[in-house]
PDB file of all heavy atoms in Angstrom:
ATOM      1  N   ALA A   1     143.927  95.327 117.977  1.00  0.00           N
ATOM      2  CA  ALA A   1     145.308  94.805 117.687  1.00  0.00           C
ATOM      3  C   ALA A   1     145.803  95.457 116.404  1.00  0.00           C
ATOM      4  O   ALA A   1     145.042  95.649 115.555  1.00  0.00           O
ATOM      5  CB  ALA A   1     145.138  93.204 117.414  1.00  0.00           C
ATOM      6  N   GLU A   2     147.151  95.789 116.391  1.00  0.00           N
ATOM      7  CA  GLU A   2     147.687  96.401 115.275  1.00  0.00           C
ATOM      8  C   GLU A   2     148.308  95.432 114.298  1.00  0.00           C
ATOM      9  O   GLU A   2     148.423  94.257 114.679  1.00  0.00           O
ATOM     10  CB  GLU A   2     148.765  97.472 115.780  1.00  0.00           C
ATOM     11  CG  GLU A   2     148.081  98.607 116.615  1.00  0.00           C
ATOM     12  CD  GLU A   2     147.182  99.416 115.752  1.00  0.00           C
ATOM     13  OE1 GLU A   2     147.370  99.774 114.483  1.00  0.00           O
ATOM     14  OE2 GLU A   2     146.137  99.850 116.370  1.00  0.00           O
ATOM     15  N   ASP A   3     148.755  95.902 113.121  1.00  0.00           N
ATOM     16  CA  ASP A   3     149.550  94.944 112.178  1.00  0.00           C
ATOM     17  C   ASP A   3     150.719  94.403 112.937  1.00  0.00           C
ATOM     18  O   ASP A   3     151.601  95.305 113.577  1.00  0.00           O
ATOM     19  CB  ASP A   3     149.980  95.821 110.973  1.00  0.00           C
ATOM     20  CG  ASP A   3     148.877  96.175 110.093  1.00  0.00           C
ATOM     21  OD1 ASP A   3     147.846  95.562 109.984  1.00  0.00           O
ATOM     22  OD2 ASP A   3     149.175  97.121 109.142  1.00  0.00           O
ATOM     23  N   GLN A   4     150.884  93.155 112.731  1.00  0.00           N
ATOM     24  CA  GLN A   4     152.219  92.645 113.235  1.00  0.00           C
ATOM     25  C   GLN A   4     153.337  92.855 112.331  1.00  0.00           C
ATOM     26  O   GLN A   4     153.059  93.163 111.066  1.00  0.00           O
ATOM     27  CB  GLN A   4     152.033  91.088 113.414  1.00  0.00           C
ATOM     28  CG  GLN A   4     151.126  90.633 114.504  1.00  0.00           C
ATOM     29  CD  GLN A   4     151.031  89.156 114.501  1.00  0.00           C
ATOM     30  OE1 GLN A   4     151.366  88.417 113.387  1.00  0.00           O
ATOM     31  NE2 GLN A   4     150.592  88.594 115.559  1.00  0.00           N
ATOM     32  N   PRO A   5     154.548  92.876 112.772  1.00  0.00           N
ATOM     33  CA  PRO A   5     155.632  92.977 111.818  1.00  0.00           C
ATOM     34  C   PRO A   5     155.693  91.552 110.961  1.00  0.00           C
ATOM     35  O   PRO A   5     155.175  90.602 111.550  1.00  0.00           O
ATOM     36  CB  PRO A   5     156.924  93.070 112.706  1.00  0.00           C
ATOM     37  CG  PRO A   5     156.538  92.557 114.045  1.00  0.00           C
ATOM     38  CD  PRO A   5     155.019  92.756 114.146  1.00  0.00           C
ATOM     39  N   TRP A   6     156.226  91.633 109.923  1.00  0.00           N
ATOM     40  CA  TRP A   6     156.365  90.514 109.124  1.00  0.00           C
ATOM     41  C   TRP A   6     157.477  89.530 109.817  1.00  0.00           C
ATOM     42  O   TRP A   6     158.384  89.983 110.285  1.00  0.00           O
ATOM     43  CB  TRP A   6     156.887  90.690 107.596  1.00  0.00           C
ATOM     44  CG  TRP A   6     155.916  91.372 106.724  1.00  0.00           C
ATOM     45  CD1 TRP A   6     155.765  92.724 106.456  1.00  0.00           C
ATOM     46  CD2 TRP A   6     154.914  90.696 106.054  1.00  0.00           C
ATOM     47  NE1 TRP A   6     154.665  92.806 105.651  1.00  0.00           N
ATOM     48  CE2 TRP A   6     154.027  91.574 105.370  1.00  0.00           C
ATOM     49  CE3 TRP A   6     154.354  89.340 105.941  1.00  0.00           C
ATOM     50  CZ2 TRP A   6     152.863  91.264 104.670  1.00  0.00           C
ATOM     51  CZ3 TRP A   6     153.317  88.975 105.222  1.00  0.00           C
ATOM     52  CH2 TRP A   6     152.574  90.005 104.430  1.00  0.00           C
ATOM     53  N   HIS A   7     157.116  88.241 109.910  1.00  0.00           N
ATOM     54  CA  HIS A   7     157.954  87.375 110.735  1.00  0.00           C
ATOM     55  C   HIS A   7     157.822  85.920 110.354  1.00  0.00           C
ATOM     56  O   HIS A   7     156.749  85.588 109.675  1.00  0.00           O
ATOM     57  CB  HIS A   7     157.641  87.638 112.265  1.00  0.00           C
ATOM     58  CG  HIS A   7     156.326  87.134 112.697  1.00  0.00           C
ATOM     59  ND1 HIS A   7     155.233  87.853 112.373  1.00  0.00           N
ATOM     60  CD2 HIS A   7     155.965  85.943 113.260  1.00  0.00           C
ATOM     61  CE1 HIS A   7     154.142  87.057 112.885  1.00  0.00           C
ATOM     62  NE2 HIS A   7     154.536  86.060 113.435  1.00  0.00           N
ATOM     63  N   ARG A   8     158.578  85.106 110.751  1.00  0.00           N
ATOM     64  CA  ARG A   8     158.452  83.578 110.813  1.00  0.00           C
ATOM     65  C   ARG A   8     158.317  83.164 112.243  1.00  0.00           C
ATOM     66  O   ARG A   8     158.784  83.882 113.141  1.00  0.00           O
ATOM     67  CB  ARG A   8     159.327  82.852 109.922  1.00  0.00           C
ATOM     68  CG  ARG A   8     160.988  83.139 110.413  1.00  0.00           C
ATOM     69  CD  ARG A   8     161.857  82.271 109.659  1.00  0.00           C
ATOM     70  NE  ARG A   8     161.611  82.026 108.359  1.00  0.00           N
ATOM     71  CZ  ARG A   8     162.466  82.130 107.390  1.00  0.00           C
ATOM     72  NH1 ARG A   8     163.684  82.544 107.635  1.00  0.00           N
ATOM     73  NH2 ARG A   8     162.203  82.030 106.110  1.00  0.00           N
ATOM     74  N   ASP A   9     157.937  81.970 112.538  1.00  0.00           N
ATOM     75  CA  ASP A   9     157.637  81.460 113.866  1.00  0.00           C
ATOM     76  C   ASP A   9     158.943  81.109 114.526  1.00  0.00           C
ATOM     77  O   ASP A   9     159.110  81.125 115.768  1.00  0.00           O
ATOM     78  CB  ASP A   9     156.679  80.287 113.967  1.00  0.00           C
ATOM     79  CG  ASP A   9     155.261  80.855 113.563  1.00  0.00           C
ATOM     80  OD1 ASP A   9     155.062  82.107 113.728  1.00  0.00           O
ATOM     81  OD2 ASP A   9     154.524  80.043 113.143  1.00  0.00           O
ATOM     82  N   PHE A  10     159.969  80.648 113.781  1.00  0.00           N
ATOM     83  CA  PHE A  10     161.331  80.142 114.269  1.00  0.00           C
ATOM     84  C   PHE A  10     162.329  80.509 113.387  1.00  0.00           C
ATOM     85  O   PHE A  10     162.074  80.828 112.129  1.00  0.00           O
ATOM     86  CB  PHE A  10     161.294  78.571 114.568  1.00  0.00           C
ATOM     87  CG  PHE A  10     160.225  78.065 115.522  1.00  0.00           C
ATOM     88  CD1 PHE A  10     159.144  77.531 114.921  1.00  0.00           C
ATOM     89  CD2 PHE A  10     160.384  78.154 116.717  1.00  0.00           C
ATOM     90  CE1 PHE A  10     158.097  77.067 115.705  1.00  0.00           C
ATOM     91  CE2 PHE A  10     159.344  77.648 117.639  1.00  0.00           C
ATOM     92  CZ  PHE A  10     158.232  77.106 117.115  1.00  0.00           C
ATOM     93  N   GLN A  11     163.513  80.527 113.882  1.00  0.00           N
ATOM     94  CA  GLN A  11     164.679  80.668 113.004  1.00  0.00           C
ATOM     95  C   GLN A  11     164.744  79.541 112.040  1.00  0.00           C
ATOM     96  O   GLN A  11     164.612  78.373 112.529  1.00  0.00           O
ATOM     97  CB  GLN A  11     165.858  80.834 113.840  1.00  0.00           C
ATOM     98  CG  GLN A  11     167.150  81.129 113.022  1.00  0.00           C
ATOM     99  CD  GLN A  11     168.464  81.457 113.862  1.00  0.00           C
ATOM    100  OE1 GLN A  11     168.413  81.478 115.095  1.00  0.00           O
ATOM    101  NE2 GLN A  11     169.559  81.692 113.214  1.00  0.00           N
ATOM    102  N   ALA A  12     165.116  79.750 110.779  1.00  0.00           N
ATOM    103  CA  ALA A  12     165.215  78.656 109.771  1.00  0.00           C
ATOM    104  C   ALA A  12     166.353  77.780 110.047  1.00  0.00           C
ATOM    105  O   ALA A  12     167.439  78.264 110.170  1.00  0.00           O
ATOM    106  CB  ALA A  12     165.144  79.243 108.429  1.00  0.00           C
ATOM    107  N   PRO A  13     166.213  76.475 110.167  1.00  0.00           N
ATOM    108  CA  PRO A  13     167.340  75.641 110.454  1.00  0.00           C
ATOM    109  C   PRO A  13     168.009  75.326 109.029  1.00  0.00           C
ATOM    110  O   PRO A  13     167.453  75.457 107.979  1.00  0.00           O
ATOM    111  CB  PRO A  13     166.694  74.377 110.887  1.00  0.00           C
ATOM    112  CG  PRO A  13     165.356  74.284 110.272  1.00  0.00           C
ATOM    113  CD  PRO A  13     164.917  75.738 110.216  1.00  0.00           C
ATOM    114  N   PRO A  14     169.253  74.776 109.247  1.00  0.00           N
ATOM    115  CA  PRO A  14     169.913  74.338 107.987  1.00  0.00           C
ATOM    116  C   PRO A  14     169.175  73.251 107.122  1.00  0.00           C
ATOM    117  O   PRO A  14     169.286  73.286 105.879  1.00  0.00           O
ATOM    118  CB  PRO A  14     171.401  73.780 108.464  1.00  0.00           C
ATOM    119  CG  PRO A  14     171.520  74.390 109.920  1.00  0.00           C
ATOM    120  CD  PRO A  14     170.180  74.750 110.404  1.00  0.00           C
ATOM    121  N   ALA A  15     168.353  72.429 107.803  1.00  0.00           N
ATOM    122  CA  ALA A  15     167.541  71.381 107.140  1.00  0.00           C
ATOM    123  C   ALA A  15     166.715  72.177 106.067  1.00  0.00           C
ATOM    124  O   ALA A  15     166.601  71.513 104.973  1.00  0.00           O
ATOM    125  CB  ALA A  15     166.848  70.625 108.099  1.00  0.00           C
ATOM    126  N   THR A  16     166.301  73.353 106.303  1.00  0.00           N
ATOM    127  CA  THR A  16     165.461  74.089 105.417  1.00  0.00           C
ATOM    128  C   THR A  16     166.256  74.880 104.423  1.00  0.00           C
ATOM    129  O   THR A  16     166.130  74.886 103.158  1.00  0.00           O
ATOM    130  CB  THR A  16     164.395  74.796 106.124  1.00  0.00           C
ATOM    131  OG1 THR A  16     163.663  74.018 106.994  1.00  0.00           O
ATOM    132  CG2 THR A  16     163.539  75.625 105.223  1.00  0.00           C
ATOM    133  N   LEU A  17     167.121  75.711 104.961  1.00  0.00           N
ATOM    134  CA  LEU A  17     167.799  76.607 104.154  1.00  0.00           C
ATOM    135  C   LEU A  17     168.779  76.039 103.220  1.00  0.00           C
ATOM    136  O   LEU A  17     168.938  76.400 102.027  1.00  0.00           O
ATOM    137  CB  LEU A  17     168.619  77.670 104.963  1.00  0.00           C
ATOM    138  CG  LEU A  17     167.659  78.634 105.812  1.00  0.00           C
ATOM    139  CD1 LEU A  17     168.475  79.577 106.614  1.00  0.00           C
ATOM    140  CD2 LEU A  17     166.671  79.261 104.910  1.00  0.00           C
ATOM    141  N   GLU A  18     169.504  74.996 103.651  1.00  0.00           N
ATOM    142  CA  GLU A  18     170.484  74.297 102.808  1.00  0.00           C
ATOM    143  C   GLU A  18     170.036  73.053 102.299  1.00  0.00           C
ATOM    144  O   GLU A  18     170.227  72.808 100.995  1.00  0.00           O
ATOM    145  CB  GLU A  18     171.791  73.929 103.730  1.00  0.00           C
ATOM    146  CG  GLU A  18     172.433  75.261 104.255  1.00  0.00           C
ATOM    147  CD  GLU A  18     173.318  74.904 105.304  1.00  0.00           C
ATOM    148  OE1 GLU A  18     173.664  73.749 105.633  1.00  0.00           O
ATOM    149  OE2 GLU A  18     173.709  75.751 106.177  1.00  0.00           O
ATOM    150  N   GLY A  19     169.177  72.287 102.936  1.00  0.00           N
ATOM    151  CA  GLY A  19     168.640  70.982 102.446  1.00  0.00           C
ATOM    152  C   GLY A  19     167.290  71.045 101.715  1.00  0.00           C
ATOM    153  O   GLY A  19     166.833  70.139 101.230  1.00  0.00           O
ATOM    154  N   ARG A  20     166.655  72.311 101.785  1.00  0.00           N
ATOM    155  CA  ARG A  20     165.407  72.450 101.310  1.00  0.00           C
ATOM    156  C   ARG A  20     164.393  71.492 101.696  1.00  0.00           C
ATOM    157  O   ARG A  20     163.518  71.002 100.977  1.00  0.00           O
ATOM    158  CB  ARG A  20     165.358  72.454  99.692  1.00  0.00           C
ATOM    159  CG  ARG A  20     166.338  73.530  99.145  1.00  0.00           C
ATOM    160  CD  ARG A  20     165.934  74.837  99.181  1.00  0.00           C
ATOM    161  NE  ARG A  20     165.012  75.164  98.103  1.00  0.00           N
ATOM    162  CZ  ARG A  20     164.646  76.422  97.926  1.00  0.00           C
ATOM    163  NH1 ARG A  20     164.950  77.423  98.656  1.00  0.00           N
ATOM    164  NH2 ARG A  20     163.735  76.601  96.957  1.00  0.00           N
ATOM    165  N   ARG A  21     164.340  71.168 103.041  1.00  0.00           N
ATOM    166  CA  ARG A  21     163.553  70.286 103.632  1.00  0.00           C
ATOM    167  C   ARG A  21     162.780  70.938 104.786  1.00  0.00           C
ATOM    168  O   ARG A  21     163.441  71.564 105.634  1.00  0.00           O
ATOM    169  CB  ARG A  21     164.301  68.978 104.185  1.00  0.00           C
ATOM    170  CG  ARG A  21     163.411  67.938 104.946  1.00  0.00           C
ATOM    171  CD  ARG A  21     164.137  66.798 105.390  1.00  0.00           C
ATOM    172  NE  ARG A  21     165.213  67.105 106.358  1.00  0.00           N
ATOM    173  CZ  ARG A  21     165.082  67.192 107.618  1.00  0.00           C
ATOM    174  NH1 ARG A  21     163.768  66.979 108.190  1.00  0.00           N
ATOM    175  NH2 ARG A  21     165.968  67.510 108.412  1.00  0.00           N
ATOM    176  N   LEU A  22     161.517  70.884 104.858  1.00  0.00           N
ATOM    177  CA  LEU A  22     160.666  71.363 105.950  1.00  0.00           C
ATOM    178  C   LEU A  22     160.698  70.419 107.053  1.00  0.00           C
ATOM    179  O   LEU A  22     160.592  69.190 106.908  1.00  0.00           O
ATOM    180  CB  LEU A  22     159.282  71.593 105.540  1.00  0.00           C
ATOM    181  CG  LEU A  22     158.996  72.567 104.286  1.00  0.00           C
ATOM    182  CD1 LEU A  22     157.586  72.668 103.915  1.00  0.00           C
ATOM    183  CD2 LEU A  22     159.527  73.939 104.720  1.00  0.00           C
ATOM    184  N   ASN A  23     160.979  70.946 108.306  1.00  0.00           N
ATOM    185  CA  ASN A  23     160.999  70.037 109.479  1.00  0.00           C
ATOM    186  C   ASN A  23     159.933  70.637 110.516  1.00  0.00           C
ATOM    187  O   ASN A  23     160.007  70.083 111.707  1.00  0.00           O
ATOM    188  CB  ASN A  23     162.341  69.905 110.033  1.00  0.00           C
ATOM    189  CG  ASN A  23     162.930  71.199 110.755  1.00  0.00           C
ATOM    190  OD1 ASN A  23     162.394  72.175 110.670  1.00  0.00           O
ATOM    191  ND2 ASN A  23     164.045  71.034 111.170  1.00  0.00           N
ATOM    192  N   SER A  24     159.087  71.410 110.148  1.00  0.00           N
ATOM    193  CA  SER A  24     157.988  71.844 111.106  1.00  0.00           C
ATOM    194  C   SER A  24     156.796  72.330 110.180  1.00  0.00           C
ATOM    195  O   SER A  24     157.018  72.807 109.165  1.00  0.00           O
ATOM    196  CB  SER A  24     158.372  72.834 112.026  1.00  0.00           C
ATOM    197  OG  SER A  24     158.707  74.104 111.374  1.00  0.00           O
ATOM    198  N   LEU A  25     155.581  72.111 110.841  1.00  0.00           N
ATOM    199  CA  LEU A  25     154.292  72.557 110.072  1.00  0.00           C
ATOM    200  C   LEU A  25     153.610  73.277 111.238  1.00  0.00           C
ATOM    201  O   LEU A  25     153.601  72.875 112.388  1.00  0.00           O
ATOM    202  CB  LEU A  25     153.576  71.566 109.610  1.00  0.00           C
ATOM    203  CG  LEU A  25     154.066  70.680 108.401  1.00  0.00           C
ATOM    204  CD1 LEU A  25     153.309  69.504 108.067  1.00  0.00           C
ATOM    205  CD2 LEU A  25     154.161  71.611 107.179  1.00  0.00           C
ATOM    206  N   ALA A  26     152.683  74.217 110.740  1.00  0.00           N
ATOM    207  CA  ALA A  26     151.741  75.008 111.631  1.00  0.00           C
ATOM    208  C   ALA A  26     150.427  74.680 111.089  1.00  0.00           C
ATOM    209  O   ALA A  26     150.201  75.007 109.843  1.00  0.00           O
ATOM    210  CB  ALA A  26     152.192  76.339 111.824  1.00  0.00           C
ATOM    211  N   PHE A  27     149.565  74.248 111.799  1.00  0.00           N
ATOM    212  CA  PHE A  27     148.149  74.125 111.388  1.00  0.00           C
ATOM    213  C   PHE A  27     147.251  75.232 112.079  1.00  0.00           C
ATOM    214  O   PHE A  27     147.323  75.469 113.476  1.00  0.00           O
ATOM    215  CB  PHE A  27     147.522  72.670 111.707  1.00  0.00           C
ATOM    216  CG  PHE A  27     148.135  71.658 111.005  1.00  0.00           C
ATOM    217  CD1 PHE A  27     149.412  71.083 111.404  1.00  0.00           C
ATOM    218  CD2 PHE A  27     147.701  71.227 109.700  1.00  0.00           C
ATOM    219  CE1 PHE A  27     150.053  70.041 110.841  1.00  0.00           C
ATOM    220  CE2 PHE A  27     148.361  70.168 109.165  1.00  0.00           C
ATOM    221  CZ  PHE A  27     149.459  69.623 109.547  1.00  0.00           C
ATOM    222  N   ASN A  28     146.408  76.017 111.365  1.00  0.00           N
ATOM    223  CA  ASN A  28     145.734  76.921 111.917  1.00  0.00           C
ATOM    224  C   ASN A  28     144.213  76.468 111.828  1.00  0.00           C
ATOM    225  O   ASN A  28     143.705  76.221 110.653  1.00  0.00           O
ATOM    226  CB  ASN A  28     145.699  78.366 111.213  1.00  0.00           C
ATOM    227  CG  ASN A  28     147.162  78.977 111.583  1.00  0.00           C
ATOM    228  OD1 ASN A  28     147.946  78.531 112.212  1.00  0.00           O
ATOM    229  ND2 ASN A  28     147.175  80.189 111.076  1.00  0.00           N
ATOM    230  N   LEU A  29     143.396  76.531 112.874  1.00  0.00           N
ATOM    231  CA  LEU A  29     141.912  76.041 112.900  1.00  0.00           C
ATOM    232  C   LEU A  29     141.269  77.269 113.375  1.00  0.00           C
ATOM    233  O   LEU A  29     141.372  77.699 114.574  1.00  0.00           O
ATOM    234  CB  LEU A  29     141.748  74.790 113.946  1.00  0.00           C
ATOM    235  CG  LEU A  29     142.447  73.606 113.328  1.00  0.00           C
ATOM    236  CD1 LEU A  29     143.854  73.566 113.790  1.00  0.00           C
ATOM    237  CD2 LEU A  29     141.723  72.421 113.930  1.00  0.00           C
ATOM    238  N   THR A  30     140.484  77.877 112.488  1.00  0.00           N
ATOM    239  CA  THR A  30     139.803  79.202 112.778  1.00  0.00           C
ATOM    240  C   THR A  30     138.492  78.935 113.576  1.00  0.00           C
ATOM    241  O   THR A  30     137.675  78.164 113.229  1.00  0.00           O
ATOM    242  CB  THR A  30     139.520  79.719 111.409  1.00  0.00           C
ATOM    243  OG1 THR A  30     140.615  79.893 110.722  1.00  0.00           O
ATOM    244  CG2 THR A  30     138.861  81.048 111.599  1.00  0.00           C
ATOM    245  N   ALA A  31     138.222  79.783 114.675  1.00  0.00           N
ATOM    246  CA  ALA A  31     137.083  79.720 115.484  1.00  0.00           C
ATOM    247  C   ALA A  31     135.886  80.703 115.085  1.00  0.00           C
ATOM    248  O   ALA A  31     134.920  80.608 115.795  1.00  0.00           O
ATOM    249  CB  ALA A  31     137.558  79.868 116.953  1.00  0.00           C
ATOM    250  N   VAL A  32     136.212  81.569 114.142  1.00  0.00           N
ATOM    251  CA  VAL A  32     135.089  82.549 113.750  1.00  0.00           C
ATOM    252  C   VAL A  32     135.129  82.677 112.241  1.00  0.00           C
ATOM    253  O   VAL A  32     136.079  82.294 111.621  1.00  0.00           O
ATOM    254  CB  VAL A  32     135.318  83.900 114.349  1.00  0.00           C
ATOM    255  CG1 VAL A  32     135.277  83.882 115.858  1.00  0.00           C
ATOM    256  CG2 VAL A  32     136.637  84.531 113.907  1.00  0.00           C
ATOM    257  N   ASP A  33     134.040  83.026 111.645  1.00  0.00           N
ATOM    258  CA  ASP A  33     133.966  83.448 110.248  1.00  0.00           C
ATOM    259  C   ASP A  33     134.872  84.625 110.132  1.00  0.00           C
ATOM    260  O   ASP A  33     134.245  85.866 110.523  1.00  0.00           O
ATOM    261  CB  ASP A  33     132.528  83.593 109.782  1.00  0.00           C
ATOM    262  CG  ASP A  33     131.767  82.270 109.622  1.00  0.00           C
ATOM    263  OD1 ASP A  33     132.477  81.227 109.809  1.00  0.00           O
ATOM    264  OD2 ASP A  33     130.521  82.322 109.729  1.00  0.00           O
ATOM    265  N   THR A  34     135.845  84.735 109.547  1.00  0.00           N
ATOM    266  CA  THR A  34     136.794  85.906 109.401  1.00  0.00           C
ATOM    267  C   THR A  34     136.403  86.783 108.387  1.00  0.00           C
ATOM    268  O   THR A  34     136.068  86.467 107.203  1.00  0.00           O
ATOM    269  CB  THR A  34     138.195  85.601 108.999  1.00  0.00           C
ATOM    270  OG1 THR A  34     138.673  84.375 109.989  1.00  0.00           O
ATOM    271  CG2 THR A  34     139.212  86.735 109.046  1.00  0.00           C
ATOM    272  N   ARG A  35     136.200  88.040 108.808  1.00  0.00           N
ATOM    273  CA  ARG A  35     135.922  89.281 107.824  1.00  0.00           C
ATOM    274  C   ARG A  35     137.079  90.148 107.803  1.00  0.00           C
ATOM    275  O   ARG A  35     137.954  90.141 108.634  1.00  0.00           O
ATOM    276  CB  ARG A  35     134.674  90.003 108.479  1.00  0.00           C
ATOM    277  CG  ARG A  35     133.391  89.175 108.679  1.00  0.00           C
ATOM    278  CD  ARG A  35     132.277  89.969 109.210  1.00  0.00           C
ATOM    279  NE  ARG A  35     132.598  91.124 110.045  1.00  0.00           N
ATOM    280  CZ  ARG A  35     132.626  90.911 111.497  1.00  0.00           C
ATOM    281  NH1 ARG A  35     132.211  89.832 112.016  1.00  0.00           N
ATOM    282  NH2 ARG A  35     132.752  91.911 112.195  1.00  0.00           N
ATOM    283  N   PRO A  36     137.188  90.847 106.759  1.00  0.00           N
ATOM    284  CA  PRO A  36     138.310  91.726 106.553  1.00  0.00           C
ATOM    285  C   PRO A  36     138.615  92.619 107.795  1.00  0.00           C
ATOM    286  O   PRO A  36     139.765  92.888 108.137  1.00  0.00           O
ATOM    287  CB  PRO A  36     137.903  92.722 105.279  1.00  0.00           C
ATOM    288  CG  PRO A  36     137.004  91.770 104.586  1.00  0.00           C
ATOM    289  CD  PRO A  36     136.243  90.984 105.661  1.00  0.00           C
ATOM    290  N   GLU A  37     137.686  93.262 108.453  1.00  0.00           N
ATOM    291  CA  GLU A  37     137.873  94.111 109.625  1.00  0.00           C
ATOM    292  C   GLU A  37     138.371  93.235 110.817  1.00  0.00           C
ATOM    293  O   GLU A  37     138.772  94.014 111.783  1.00  0.00           O
ATOM    294  CB  GLU A  37     136.572  94.810 109.944  1.00  0.00           C
ATOM    295  CG  GLU A  37     135.289  93.998 110.213  1.00  0.00           C
ATOM    296  CD  GLU A  37     134.414  93.637 109.141  1.00  0.00           C
ATOM    297  OE1 GLU A  37     134.852  93.598 108.070  1.00  0.00           O
ATOM    298  OE2 GLU A  37     133.340  93.216 109.335  1.00  0.00           O
ATOM    299  N   HIS A  38     138.388  91.961 110.825  1.00  0.00           N
ATOM    300  CA  HIS A  38     138.866  91.208 111.854  1.00  0.00           C
ATOM    301  C   HIS A  38     140.513  91.208 111.995  1.00  0.00           C
ATOM    302  O   HIS A  38     140.952  90.707 113.040  1.00  0.00           O
ATOM    303  CB  HIS A  38     138.518  89.619 111.786  1.00  0.00           C
ATOM    304  CG  HIS A  38     137.196  89.383 112.293  1.00  0.00           C
ATOM    305  ND1 HIS A  38     136.305  88.591 111.666  1.00  0.00           N
ATOM    306  CD2 HIS A  38     136.583  89.704 113.563  1.00  0.00           C
ATOM    307  CE1 HIS A  38     135.185  88.414 112.417  1.00  0.00           C
ATOM    308  NE2 HIS A  38     135.405  89.076 113.503  1.00  0.00           N
ATOM    309  N   GLY A  39     141.111  91.669 111.001  1.00  0.00           N
ATOM    310  CA  GLY A  39     142.607  91.559 110.923  1.00  0.00           C
ATOM    311  C   GLY A  39     142.956  90.216 110.404  1.00  0.00           C
ATOM    312  O   GLY A  39     143.675  89.503 111.173  1.00  0.00           O
ATOM    313  N   PRO A  40     142.568  89.890 109.224  1.00  0.00           N
ATOM    314  CA  PRO A  40     143.092  88.495 108.714  1.00  0.00           C
ATOM    315  C   PRO A  40     144.485  88.266 108.779  1.00  0.00           C
ATOM    316  O   PRO A  40     145.470  89.225 108.549  1.00  0.00           O
ATOM    317  CB  PRO A  40     142.568  88.549 107.190  1.00  0.00           C
ATOM    318  CG  PRO A  40     141.993  89.905 106.957  1.00  0.00           C
ATOM    319  CD  PRO A  40     142.013  90.660 108.143  1.00  0.00           C
ATOM    320  N   PHE A  41     144.848  87.112 108.791  1.00  0.00           N
ATOM    321  CA  PHE A  41     146.241  86.500 108.749  1.00  0.00           C
ATOM    322  C   PHE A  41     146.662  86.803 107.169  1.00  0.00           C
ATOM    323  O   PHE A  41     145.829  86.644 106.210  1.00  0.00           O
ATOM    324  CB  PHE A  41     146.126  84.997 109.032  1.00  0.00           C
ATOM    325  CG  PHE A  41     147.407  84.261 109.008  1.00  0.00           C
ATOM    326  CD1 PHE A  41     148.269  84.427 110.056  1.00  0.00           C
ATOM    327  CD2 PHE A  41     147.687  83.227 108.070  1.00  0.00           C
ATOM    328  CE1 PHE A  41     149.437  83.740 110.110  1.00  0.00           C
ATOM    329  CE2 PHE A  41     148.692  82.607 108.136  1.00  0.00           C
ATOM    330  CZ  PHE A  41     149.767  82.795 109.124  1.00  0.00           C
TER     331      PHE A  41
END
């Protein structure tokens, strides 16, 4: 796998950009002991 482009998961809504309120969260649960050669997040 190659480097991904920098990105966000969704388009930012007005609630966040104007209201400075988060309306979604992402939880990452890792299934391996990540090493630098794995391509870390």
